[in-house]
Amino acid sequence: MGSSSVASKLNSNDSESAALSPVKPERNLLAAVLARAICDAFGSAQCDRHEVRTARQWLFGRLTPKLPFSFAWVSLHLDLDPVSLQETLRQYEDDPEMVEERLNFLR
């Protein structure tokens, strides 16, 4: 088997396994963006007030699902309903203990 045949076969296997793989790096990145925003908005870690305000504006701002990397766009790409997620996050503001418990899952 020539080296070009081996390379062709390896590339074929890579693309097949990527198509079958449940792990999608892009999805993981979006989940990390959302998790970071939630931690910044509600976490007890010492965050700059500007970071907290920016995270909360991103989480609770107007929903713009067509704007790439907006809260609604990220939520939809993670198969989450942005309206329901916003409502859930608003409940966290009223119950700080629940926030801390749930944030541990994101860390």
N, C-alpha and C. Protein backbone atom coordinates (compact mmCIF):
# COMPACT_ATOMS: atom_id res chain seq x y z
N MET A 1 0.86 -1.17 0.00
CA MET A 1 0.00 0.00 0.00
C MET A 1 0.90 1.23 0.00
N GLY A 2 0.71 2.14 -0.96
CA GLY A 2 1.52 3.34 -1.07
C GLY A 2 1.18 4.33 0.02
N SER A 3 2.10 5.29 0.21
CA SER A 3 1.88 6.27 1.28
C SER A 3 0.67 7.15 1.00
N SER A 4 0.38 7.41 -0.30
CA SER A 4 -0.81 8.21 -0.60
C SER A 4 -2.08 7.44 -0.29
N SER A 5 -2.04 6.11 -0.46
CA SER A 5 -3.20 5.29 -0.12
C SER A 5 -3.44 5.28 1.38
N VAL A 6 -2.35 5.20 2.13
CA VAL A 6 -2.46 5.20 3.59
C VAL A 6 -3.02 6.54 4.06
N ALA A 7 -2.48 7.63 3.53
CA ALA A 7 -2.96 8.97 3.92
C ALA A 7 -4.42 9.14 3.55
N SER A 8 -4.79 8.65 2.38
CA SER A 8 -6.19 8.75 1.95
C SER A 8 -7.09 7.97 2.89
N LYS A 9 -6.66 6.77 3.25
CA LYS A 9 -7.46 5.93 4.15
C LYS A 9 -7.56 6.57 5.54
N LEU A 10 -6.45 7.15 6.04
CA LEU A 10 -6.47 7.81 7.34
C LEU A 10 -7.41 9.01 7.33
N ASN A 11 -7.34 9.82 6.28
CA ASN A 11 -8.24 10.97 6.18
C ASN A 11 -9.68 10.54 6.10
N SER A 12 -9.94 9.45 5.39
CA SER A 12 -11.29 8.93 5.27
C SER A 12 -11.80 8.48 6.64
N ASN A 13 -10.95 7.77 7.38
CA ASN A 13 -11.34 7.31 8.71
C ASN A 13 -11.57 8.48 9.67
N ASP A 14 -10.72 9.52 9.57
CA ASP A 14 -10.89 10.69 10.43
C ASP A 14 -12.22 11.37 10.19
N SER A 15 -12.58 11.55 8.93
CA SER A 15 -13.84 12.24 8.63
C SER A 15 -15.04 11.39 9.03
N GLU A 16 -14.92 10.07 8.87
CA GLU A 16 -16.01 9.19 9.28
C GLU A 16 -16.18 9.21 10.80
N SER A 17 -15.07 9.14 11.53
CA SER A 17 -15.18 9.13 12.99
C SER A 17 -15.65 10.48 13.50
N ALA A 18 -15.26 11.57 12.84
CA ALA A 18 -15.73 12.89 13.25
C ALA A 18 -17.24 13.01 13.05
N ALA A 19 -17.74 12.43 11.97
CA ALA A 19 -19.18 12.50 11.70
C ALA A 19 -19.96 11.66 12.71
N LEU A 20 -19.37 10.57 13.18
CA LEU A 20 -20.05 9.68 14.11
C LEU A 20 -19.83 10.07 15.57
N SER A 21 -18.82 10.87 15.82
CA SER A 21 -18.45 11.22 17.18
C SER A 21 -19.51 12.12 17.83
N PRO A 22 -19.94 11.78 19.05
CA PRO A 22 -20.92 12.62 19.73
C PRO A 22 -20.28 13.91 20.27
N VAL A 23 -18.95 13.93 20.39
CA VAL A 23 -18.26 15.10 20.90
C VAL A 23 -18.03 16.09 19.76
N LYS A 24 -18.50 17.29 19.96
CA LYS A 24 -18.32 18.33 18.96
C LYS A 24 -17.60 19.49 19.63
N PRO A 25 -16.37 19.76 19.22
CA PRO A 25 -15.60 20.82 19.88
C PRO A 25 -16.30 22.18 19.86
N GLU A 26 -17.01 22.47 18.78
CA GLU A 26 -17.70 23.75 18.69
C GLU A 26 -18.78 23.86 19.76
N ARG A 27 -19.47 22.76 19.99
CA ARG A 27 -20.52 22.74 21.01
C ARG A 27 -19.91 22.92 22.40
N ASN A 28 -18.78 22.27 22.62
CA ASN A 28 -18.09 22.41 23.91
C ASN A 28 -17.66 23.86 24.13
N LEU A 29 -17.21 24.51 23.07
CA LEU A 29 -16.81 25.92 23.18
C LEU A 29 -18.01 26.79 23.56
N LEU A 30 -19.14 26.57 22.90
CA LEU A 30 -20.34 27.35 23.22
C LEU A 30 -20.79 27.10 24.65
N ALA A 31 -20.71 25.85 25.09
CA ALA A 31 -21.09 25.53 26.47
C ALA A 31 -20.16 26.23 27.45
N ALA A 32 -18.88 26.31 27.11
CA ALA A 32 -17.91 27.00 27.97
C ALA A 32 -18.20 28.50 28.03
N VAL A 33 -18.59 29.08 26.90
CA VAL A 33 -18.94 30.51 26.87
C VAL A 33 -20.13 30.76 27.79
N LEU A 34 -21.15 29.93 27.68
CA LEU A 34 -22.35 30.09 28.51
C LEU A 34 -22.01 29.89 29.99
N ALA A 35 -21.24 28.85 30.29
CA ALA A 35 -20.87 28.56 31.68
C ALA A 35 -20.06 29.71 32.28
N ARG A 36 -19.14 30.26 31.50
CA ARG A 36 -18.32 31.38 32.00
C ARG A 36 -19.19 32.59 32.31
N ALA A 37 -20.14 32.88 31.42
CA ALA A 37 -21.03 34.03 31.65
C ALA A 37 -21.86 33.83 32.91
N ILE A 38 -22.35 32.62 33.12
CA ILE A 38 -23.15 32.33 34.32
C ILE A 38 -22.28 32.46 35.57
N CYS A 39 -21.08 31.91 35.53
CA CYS A 39 -20.18 32.02 36.68
C CYS A 39 -19.82 33.48 36.96
N ASP A 40 -19.56 34.24 35.91
CA ASP A 40 -19.23 35.66 36.10
C ASP A 40 -20.42 36.44 36.66
N ALA A 41 -21.61 36.11 36.21
CA ALA A 41 -22.80 36.84 36.63
C ALA A 41 -23.23 36.50 38.06
N PHE A 42 -23.04 35.25 38.47
CA PHE A 42 -23.59 34.80 39.75
C PHE A 42 -22.56 34.25 40.73
N GLY A 43 -21.37 33.98 40.27
CA GLY A 43 -20.38 33.34 41.12
C GLY A 43 -19.93 34.20 42.27
N SER A 44 -19.40 33.55 43.28
CA SER A 44 -18.93 34.28 44.45
C SER A 44 -17.47 34.69 44.30
N ALA A 45 -16.84 34.23 43.22
CA ALA A 45 -15.44 34.61 42.99
C ALA A 45 -15.36 36.12 42.81
N GLN A 46 -14.22 36.65 43.15
CA GLN A 46 -14.03 38.09 43.04
C GLN A 46 -13.96 38.48 41.57
N CYS A 47 -15.06 38.95 41.04
CA CYS A 47 -15.12 39.42 39.66
C CYS A 47 -15.20 40.93 39.66
N ASP A 48 -14.55 41.50 38.72
CA ASP A 48 -14.64 42.94 38.49
C ASP A 48 -16.11 43.28 38.25
N ARG A 49 -16.56 44.41 38.78
CA ARG A 49 -17.98 44.79 38.60
C ARG A 49 -18.34 44.90 37.13
N HIS A 50 -17.39 45.34 36.33
CA HIS A 50 -17.63 45.45 34.89
C HIS A 50 -17.90 44.07 34.29
N GLU A 51 -17.14 43.05 34.72
CA GLU A 51 -17.36 41.69 34.22
C GLU A 51 -18.73 41.17 34.61
N VAL A 52 -19.12 41.42 35.85
CA VAL A 52 -20.44 40.98 36.33
C VAL A 52 -21.53 41.66 35.52
N ARG A 53 -21.41 42.97 35.36
CA ARG A 53 -22.42 43.73 34.61
C ARG A 53 -22.48 43.26 33.15
N THR A 54 -21.33 43.07 32.53
CA THR A 54 -21.29 42.62 31.14
C THR A 54 -21.92 41.24 30.99
N ALA A 55 -21.60 40.33 31.92
CA ALA A 55 -22.17 38.98 31.87
C ALA A 55 -23.68 39.03 32.03
N ARG A 56 -24.15 39.83 32.96
CA ARG A 56 -25.61 39.93 33.18
C ARG A 56 -26.31 40.58 31.99
N GLN A 57 -25.67 41.56 31.38
CA GLN A 57 -26.26 42.16 30.18
C GLN A 57 -26.36 41.14 29.07
N TRP A 58 -25.35 40.32 28.92
CA TRP A 58 -25.36 39.29 27.88
C TRP A 58 -26.45 38.26 28.16
N LEU A 59 -26.56 37.85 29.42
CA LEU A 59 -27.54 36.82 29.79
C LEU A 59 -28.98 37.33 29.74
N PHE A 60 -29.21 38.57 30.17
CA PHE A 60 -30.57 39.06 30.33
C PHE A 60 -30.97 40.13 29.32
N GLY A 61 -30.12 40.40 28.37
CA GLY A 61 -30.43 41.41 27.37
C GLY A 61 -31.50 40.93 26.39
N ARG A 62 -31.78 41.78 25.44
CA ARG A 62 -32.75 41.45 24.39
C ARG A 62 -32.28 40.21 23.65
N LEU A 63 -33.20 39.31 23.37
CA LEU A 63 -32.85 38.07 22.68
C LEU A 63 -32.67 38.33 21.18
N THR A 64 -31.50 38.00 20.69
CA THR A 64 -31.17 38.20 19.27
C THR A 64 -30.63 36.90 18.70
N PRO A 65 -31.52 35.96 18.37
CA PRO A 65 -31.09 34.63 17.96
C PRO A 65 -30.31 34.58 16.64
N LYS A 66 -30.40 35.62 15.84
CA LYS A 66 -29.67 35.61 14.57
C LYS A 66 -28.28 36.23 14.69
N LEU A 67 -27.99 36.84 15.82
CA LEU A 67 -26.69 37.47 16.04
C LEU A 67 -25.72 36.43 16.59
N PRO A 68 -24.69 36.08 15.81
CA PRO A 68 -23.74 35.05 16.26
C PRO A 68 -23.13 35.40 17.62
N PHE A 69 -23.09 34.40 18.46
CA PHE A 69 -22.53 34.45 19.80
C PHE A 69 -23.33 35.30 20.78
N SER A 70 -24.54 35.69 20.41
CA SER A 70 -25.42 36.32 21.39
C SER A 70 -25.93 35.21 22.32
N PHE A 71 -26.48 35.59 23.45
CA PHE A 71 -27.01 34.61 24.39
C PHE A 71 -28.02 33.68 23.73
N ALA A 72 -28.97 34.26 23.00
CA ALA A 72 -30.01 33.44 22.35
C ALA A 72 -29.40 32.52 21.31
N TRP A 73 -28.46 33.01 20.53
CA TRP A 73 -27.81 32.20 19.49
C TRP A 73 -27.06 31.03 20.12
N VAL A 74 -26.29 31.31 21.16
CA VAL A 74 -25.54 30.26 21.85
C VAL A 74 -26.51 29.24 22.44
N SER A 75 -27.55 29.72 23.11
CA SER A 75 -28.54 28.81 23.72
C SER A 75 -29.16 27.89 22.67
N LEU A 76 -29.58 28.45 21.57
CA LEU A 76 -30.21 27.65 20.52
C LEU A 76 -29.24 26.62 19.94
N HIS A 77 -27.98 26.99 19.79
CA HIS A 77 -26.99 26.04 19.27
C HIS A 77 -26.67 24.94 20.29
N LEU A 78 -27.03 25.16 21.54
CA LEU A 78 -26.87 24.14 22.57
C LEU A 78 -28.19 23.40 22.83
N ASP A 79 -29.16 23.62 21.95
CA ASP A 79 -30.49 23.01 22.06
C ASP A 79 -31.20 23.40 23.36
N LEU A 80 -31.00 24.64 23.78
CA LEU A 80 -31.66 25.18 24.96
C LEU A 80 -32.60 26.29 24.52
N ASP A 81 -33.70 26.42 25.24
CA ASP A 81 -34.64 27.50 24.96
C ASP A 81 -34.16 28.76 25.69
N PRO A 82 -33.78 29.81 24.97
CA PRO A 82 -33.23 30.99 25.64
C PRO A 82 -34.21 31.67 26.60
N VAL A 83 -35.49 31.67 26.29
CA VAL A 83 -36.48 32.30 27.17
C VAL A 83 -36.56 31.52 28.49
N SER A 84 -36.67 30.21 28.40
CA SER A 84 -36.73 29.38 29.62
C SER A 84 -35.44 29.49 30.42
N LEU A 85 -34.33 29.53 29.73
CA LEU A 85 -33.05 29.63 30.43
C LEU A 85 -32.94 30.98 31.14
N GLN A 86 -33.37 32.04 30.50
CA GLN A 86 -33.38 33.35 31.17
C GLN A 86 -34.26 33.32 32.41
N GLU A 87 -35.43 32.70 32.31
CA GLU A 87 -36.33 32.62 33.47
C GLU A 87 -35.68 31.85 34.61
N THR A 88 -35.02 30.76 34.28
CA THR A 88 -34.33 29.97 35.31
C THR A 88 -33.22 30.78 35.95
N LEU A 89 -32.46 31.48 35.14
CA LEU A 89 -31.37 32.29 35.68
C LEU A 89 -31.89 33.42 36.55
N ARG A 90 -33.04 33.97 36.21
CA ARG A 90 -33.63 35.03 37.04
C ARG A 90 -34.01 34.48 38.43
N GLN A 91 -34.42 33.22 38.48
CA GLN A 91 -34.74 32.59 39.77
C GLN A 91 -33.49 32.49 40.65
N TYR A 92 -32.33 32.33 40.02
CA TYR A 92 -31.08 32.24 40.77
C TYR A 92 -30.81 33.52 41.56
N GLU A 93 -31.23 34.64 41.02
CA GLU A 93 -31.00 35.91 41.71
C GLU A 93 -31.72 35.93 43.05
N ASP A 94 -32.83 35.22 43.15
CA ASP A 94 -33.63 35.20 44.38
C ASP A 94 -33.16 34.15 45.38
N ASP A 95 -32.34 33.20 44.92
CA ASP A 95 -31.92 32.11 45.79
C ASP A 95 -30.41 31.86 45.63
N PRO A 96 -29.58 32.64 46.31
CA PRO A 96 -28.14 32.53 46.15
C PRO A 96 -27.58 31.15 46.48
N GLU A 97 -28.19 30.44 47.43
CA GLU A 97 -27.70 29.11 47.77
C GLU A 97 -27.87 28.14 46.61
N MET A 98 -28.99 28.24 45.92
CA MET A 98 -29.22 27.39 44.75
C MET A 98 -28.19 27.71 43.67
N VAL A 99 -27.87 28.98 43.53
CA VAL A 99 -26.88 29.39 42.53
C VAL A 99 -25.55 28.72 42.81
N GLU A 100 -25.09 28.82 44.03
CA GLU A 100 -23.79 28.26 44.39
C GLU A 100 -23.76 26.76 44.14
N GLU A 101 -24.83 26.08 44.51
CA GLU A 101 -24.92 24.63 44.29
C GLU A 101 -24.84 24.29 42.81
N ARG A 102 -25.59 25.01 42.00
CA ARG A 102 -25.62 24.73 40.56
C ARG A 102 -24.32 25.14 39.87
N LEU A 103 -23.69 26.21 40.34
CA LEU A 103 -22.44 26.65 39.72
C LEU A 103 -21.33 25.62 39.89
N ASN A 104 -21.41 24.83 40.95
CA ASN A 104 -20.41 23.79 41.14
C ASN A 104 -20.41 22.80 39.99
N PHE A 105 -21.54 22.61 39.33
CA PHE A 105 -21.60 21.72 38.17
C PHE A 105 -20.87 22.30 36.97
N LEU A 106 -20.77 23.62 36.91
CA LEU A 106 -20.14 24.28 35.77
C LEU A 106 -18.63 24.40 35.92
N ARG A 107 -18.14 24.22 37.10
CA ARG A 107 -16.69 24.40 37.34
C ARG A 107 -15.92 23.14 37.10
